[in-house]
C-alpha atoms as a PDB file:
ATOM      1  CA  MET A   1     101.207  74.432  87.404  1.00  0.00           C
ATOM      2  CA  LYS A   2     103.770  72.007  88.721  1.00  0.00           C
ATOM      3  CA  LYS A   3     107.013  72.021  86.821  1.00  0.00           C
ATOM      4  CA  SER A   4     110.414  70.495  87.383  1.00  0.00           C
ATOM      5  CA  MET A   5     113.773  72.180  87.739  1.00  0.00           C
ATOM      6  CA  LYS A   6     114.470  70.825  84.263  1.00  0.00           C
ATOM      7  CA  PHE A   7     111.757  73.127  82.945  1.00  0.00           C
ATOM      8  CA  LEU A   8     113.699  76.114  84.293  1.00  0.00           C
ATOM      9  CA  GLU A   9     116.857  74.897  82.632  1.00  0.00           C
ATOM     10  CA  GLU A  10     115.079  74.593  79.306  1.00  0.00           C
ATOM     11  CA  ILE A  11     113.915  78.205  79.303  1.00  0.00           C
ATOM     12  CA  LYS A  12     116.756  79.898  81.166  1.00  0.00           C
ATOM     13  CA  ASN A  13     118.477  81.105  77.999  1.00  0.00           C
ATOM     14  CA  GLN A  14     115.337  82.450  76.453  1.00  0.00           C
ATOM     15  CA  LYS A  15     114.892  86.178  76.220  1.00  0.00           C
ATOM     16  CA  SER A  16     112.210  87.816  78.301  1.00  0.00           C
ATOM     17  CA  LYS A  17     109.664  90.142  76.757  1.00  0.00           C
ATOM     18  CA  ARG A  18     110.110  92.845  79.398  1.00  0.00           C
ATOM     19  CA  GLU A  19     113.177  94.658  80.624  1.00  0.00           C
ATOM     20  CA  TYR A  20     112.033  94.731  84.253  1.00  0.00           C
ATOM     21  CA  HIS A  21     111.304  91.029  84.024  1.00  0.00           C
ATOM     22  CA  ILE A  22     114.972  90.433  83.200  1.00  0.00           C
ATOM     23  CA  LYS A  23     116.035  92.087  86.464  1.00  0.00           C
ATOM     24  CA  TYR A  24     114.196  89.435  88.457  1.00  0.00           C
ATOM     25  CA  ASN A  25     114.552  86.650  85.964  1.00  0.00           C
ATOM     26  CA  TYR A  26     113.433  83.611  87.888  1.00  0.00           C
ATOM     27  CA  MET A  27     115.972  81.434  86.147  1.00  0.00           C
ATOM     28  CA  LYS A  28     118.614  83.096  88.307  1.00  0.00           C
ATOM     29  CA  ASN A  29     117.854  80.842  91.238  1.00  0.00           C
ATOM     30  CA  GLN A  30     120.997  81.754  93.153  1.00  0.00           C
ATOM     31  CA  GLU A  31     120.168  85.454  93.150  1.00  0.00           C
ATOM     32  CA  ILE A  32     116.574  84.884  94.195  1.00  0.00           C
ATOM     33  CA  SER A  33     117.760  82.444  96.883  1.00  0.00           C
ATOM     34  CA  LYS A  34     120.050  85.160  98.264  1.00  0.00           C
ATOM     35  CA  ILE A  35     117.105  87.531  98.535  1.00  0.00           C
ATOM     36  CA  ILE A  36     115.121  84.839 100.381  1.00  0.00           C
ATOM     37  CA  GLU A  37     118.058  84.162 102.722  1.00  0.00           C
ATOM     38  CA  LYS A  38     118.354  87.881 103.420  1.00  0.00           C
ATOM     39  CA  LEU A  39     114.652  87.989 104.256  1.00  0.00           C
ATOM     40  CA  GLU A  40     114.779  84.927 106.496  1.00  0.00           C
ATOM     41  CA  LYS A  41     117.608  86.418 108.570  1.00  0.00           C
ATOM     42  CA  SER A  42     115.553  89.429 109.542  1.00  0.00           C
ATOM     43  CA  LYS A  43     111.906  89.175 108.531  1.00  0.00           C
ATOM     44  CA  GLU A  44     110.692  91.924 110.847  1.00  0.00           C
ATOM     45  CA  LYS A  45     113.064  94.364 109.168  1.00  0.00           C
ATOM     46  CA  TYR A  46     111.414  93.837 105.788  1.00  0.00           C
ATOM     47  CA  GLU A  47     107.782  93.402 106.805  1.00  0.00           C
ATOM     48  CA  ILE A  48     105.550  96.110 105.393  1.00  0.00           C
ATOM     49  CA  LYS A  49     101.986  97.237 105.706  1.00  0.00           C
ATOM     50  CA  SER A  50     100.833  97.093 102.114  1.00  0.00           C
ATOM     51  CA  ARG A  51      97.561  98.437 100.835  1.00  0.00           C
ATOM     52  CA  TYR A  52      96.868  94.818  99.892  1.00  0.00           C
ATOM     53  CA  ASN A  53      97.117  93.522 103.483  1.00  0.00           C
ATOM     54  CA  ASP A  54      93.383  93.994 103.906  1.00  0.00           C
ATOM     55  CA  ILE A  55      92.398  91.605 101.134  1.00  0.00           C
ATOM     56  CA  GLU A  56      90.367  88.915 102.874  1.00  0.00           C
ATOM     57  CA  GLU A  57      92.169  85.992 101.228  1.00  0.00           C
ATOM     58  CA  ILE A  58      95.653  87.088 102.293  1.00  0.00           C
ATOM     59  CA  LYS A  59      95.053  89.089 105.473  1.00  0.00           C
ATOM     60  CA  ASN A  60      96.692  86.404 107.636  1.00  0.00           C
ATOM     61  CA  PHE A  61      99.867  86.284 105.562  1.00  0.00           C
ATOM     62  CA  LYS A  62     102.836  88.600 105.847  1.00  0.00           C
ATOM     63  CA  ILE A  63     104.092  90.864 103.092  1.00  0.00           C
ATOM     64  CA  TYR A  64     107.737  91.904 102.909  1.00  0.00           C
ATOM     65  CA  GLN A  65     109.620  94.308 100.702  1.00  0.00           C
ATOM     66  CA  ILE A  66     113.244  93.926  99.643  1.00  0.00           C
ATOM     67  CA  GLU A  67     114.629  96.257  97.037  1.00  0.00           C
ATOM     68  CA  ASP A  68     111.720  96.862  94.680  1.00  0.00           C
ATOM     69  CA  ILE A  69     109.940  93.550  95.019  1.00  0.00           C
ATOM     70  CA  GLU A  70     107.260  92.430  97.420  1.00  0.00           C
ATOM     71  CA  ILE A  71     107.353  88.972  98.910  1.00  0.00           C
ATOM     72  CA  LEU A  72     104.169  87.361 100.135  1.00  0.00           C
ATOM     73  CA  GLU A  73     104.751  84.523 102.577  1.00  0.00           C
ATOM     74  CA  ILE A  74     102.125  81.830 102.197  1.00  0.00           C
ATOM     75  CA  GLU A  75     102.252  78.471 103.944  1.00  0.00           C
ATOM     76  CA  ASN A  76     106.074  78.296 104.029  1.00  0.00           C
ATOM     77  CA  LYS A  77     106.462  79.415 100.408  1.00  0.00           C
ATOM     78  CA  TYR A  78     107.352  82.846  99.141  1.00  0.00           C
ATOM     79  CA  ILE A  79     105.692  84.541  96.214  1.00  0.00           C
ATOM     80  CA  ILE A  80     108.009  87.100  94.679  1.00  0.00           C
ATOM     81  CA  ILE A  81     105.965  89.910  93.216  1.00  0.00           C
ATOM     82  CA  ARG A  82     107.626  92.380  90.874  1.00  0.00           C
ATOM     83  CA  LYS A  83     106.291  95.916  90.892  1.00  0.00           C
ATOM     84  CA  ASP A  84     104.926  95.470  87.375  1.00  0.00           C
ATOM     85  CA  GLU A  85     102.739  92.543  88.471  1.00  0.00           C
ATOM     86  CA  LYS A  86     101.382  93.743  91.836  1.00  0.00           C
ATOM     87  CA  SER A  87      98.093  94.973  90.506  1.00  0.00           C
ATOM     88  CA  PHE A  88      97.507  91.838  88.461  1.00  0.00           C
ATOM     89  CA  PHE A  89      98.419  89.484  91.309  1.00  0.00           C
ATOM     90  CA  TYR A  90      96.425  91.131  94.083  1.00  0.00           C
ATOM     91  CA  ASN A  91      93.470  92.555  92.172  1.00  0.00           C
ATOM     92  CA  ILE A  92      92.862  90.108  89.359  1.00  0.00           C
ATOM     93  CA  PHE A  93      94.435  86.835  90.433  1.00  0.00           C
ATOM     94  CA  ILE A  94      93.533  86.899  94.151  1.00  0.00           C
ATOM     95  CA  GLN A  95      90.353  88.966  94.253  1.00  0.00           C
ATOM     96  CA  GLU A  96      88.784  87.765  91.047  1.00  0.00           C
ATOM     97  CA  GLU A  97      90.138  84.441  89.816  1.00  0.00           C
ATOM     98  CA  TYR A  98      90.990  82.749  93.105  1.00  0.00           C
ATOM     99  CA  ARG A  99      88.032  84.204  94.999  1.00  0.00           C
ATOM    100  CA  LYS A 100      85.564  83.003  92.363  1.00  0.00           C
ATOM    101  CA  TYR A 101      87.087  79.521  92.188  1.00  0.00           C
ATOM    102  CA  ASN A 102      87.312  79.222  95.963  1.00  0.00           C
ATOM    103  CA  GLN A 103      83.611  79.968  96.472  1.00  0.00           C
ATOM    104  CA  GLU A 104      82.751  76.679  94.848  1.00  0.00           C
ATOM    105  CA  ASN A 105      85.805  74.569  95.629  1.00  0.00           C
ATOM    106  CA  GLN A 106      87.231  75.567  99.035  1.00  0.00           C
ATOM    107  CA  ILE A 107      90.903  75.392  98.137  1.00  0.00           C
ATOM    108  CA  SER A 108      93.869  77.248  99.641  1.00  0.00           C
ATOM    109  CA  ILE A 109      95.733  79.872  97.647  1.00  0.00           C
ATOM    110  CA  LEU A 110      98.812  77.665  97.587  1.00  0.00           C
ATOM    111  CA  GLU A 111      96.841  74.688  96.282  1.00  0.00           C
ATOM    112  CA  TYR A 112      95.223  76.905  93.681  1.00  0.00           C
ATOM    113  CA  ILE A 113      98.600  78.170  92.519  1.00  0.00           C
ATOM    114  CA  GLU A 114     100.031  74.672  92.431  1.00  0.00           C
ATOM    115  CA  LYS A 115      97.155  72.819  90.791  1.00  0.00           C
ATOM    116  CA  ILE A 116      95.000  75.287  88.883  1.00  0.00           C
ATOM    117  CA  SER A 117      96.884  78.436  87.911  1.00  0.00           C
ATOM    118  CA  ASN A 118      99.418  78.890  85.126  1.00  0.00           C
ATOM    119  CA  PHE A 119     102.089  80.057  87.560  1.00  0.00           C
ATOM    120  CA  ILE A 120     105.219  77.958  87.769  1.00  0.00           C
ATOM    121  CA  PHE A 121     105.318  75.938  90.984  1.00  0.00           C
ATOM    122  CA  ILE A 122     108.441  73.899  91.723  1.00  0.00           C
ATOM    123  CA  LYS A 123     108.494  71.975  94.989  1.00  0.00           C
ATOM    124  CA  ASP A 124     112.285  72.202  95.251  1.00  0.00           C
ATOM    125  CA  LEU A 125     112.209  76.001  95.440  1.00  0.00           C
ATOM    126  CA  LYS A 126     111.215  78.115  98.415  1.00  0.00           C
ATOM    127  CA  TYR A 127     109.504  80.546  96.121  1.00  0.00           C
ATOM    128  CA  ILE A 128     106.765  80.498  93.517  1.00  0.00           C
ATOM    129  CA  ILE A 129     107.236  81.898  90.039  1.00  0.00           C
ATOM    130  CA  LEU A 130     104.338  84.099  89.029  1.00  0.00           C
ATOM    131  CA  ASP A 131     105.418  84.160  85.438  1.00  0.00           C
ATOM    132  CA  ILE A 132     103.795  81.786  83.055  1.00  0.00           C
ATOM    133  CA  GLU A 133     105.483  79.934  80.247  1.00  0.00           C
ATOM    134  CA  GLU A 134     103.999  82.235  77.602  1.00  0.00           C
ATOM    135  CA  ASN A 135     105.929  85.170  79.083  1.00  0.00           C
ATOM    136  CA  TYR A 136     109.090  83.893  77.461  1.00  0.00           C
ATOM    137  CA  ILE A 137     110.114  84.148  73.856  1.00  0.00           C
ATOM    138  CA  LYS A 138     113.024  82.505  72.053  1.00  0.00           C
END
């Protein structure tokens, strides 16, 4: 769903439910931006052959790995995928939810993420936040 940068500011001091989530807390835009900059300087160095590369819906997109996160490059946006969400993102979100919706609606993954899914999409950022608002507690 589309959100503004203000939305990030409103939840940035909230505590995350999961310890690993805190490591890649998407409110730390500067740190995530540094990872993206590092990737953009040398994409070929970080490109990987993932077991998910063969999924029909994403086979034409590149997957990178920096530290212990995967980054899926889709239409000039990056989706940062923590290791604890890989299975959900690739198997459930892409292969079940998106695939089913796309059969009837012919929509790109990026459009689906932006308009239909609960993921946080902010135009001003180069990356997409897979976390949904309910993942945060006060």
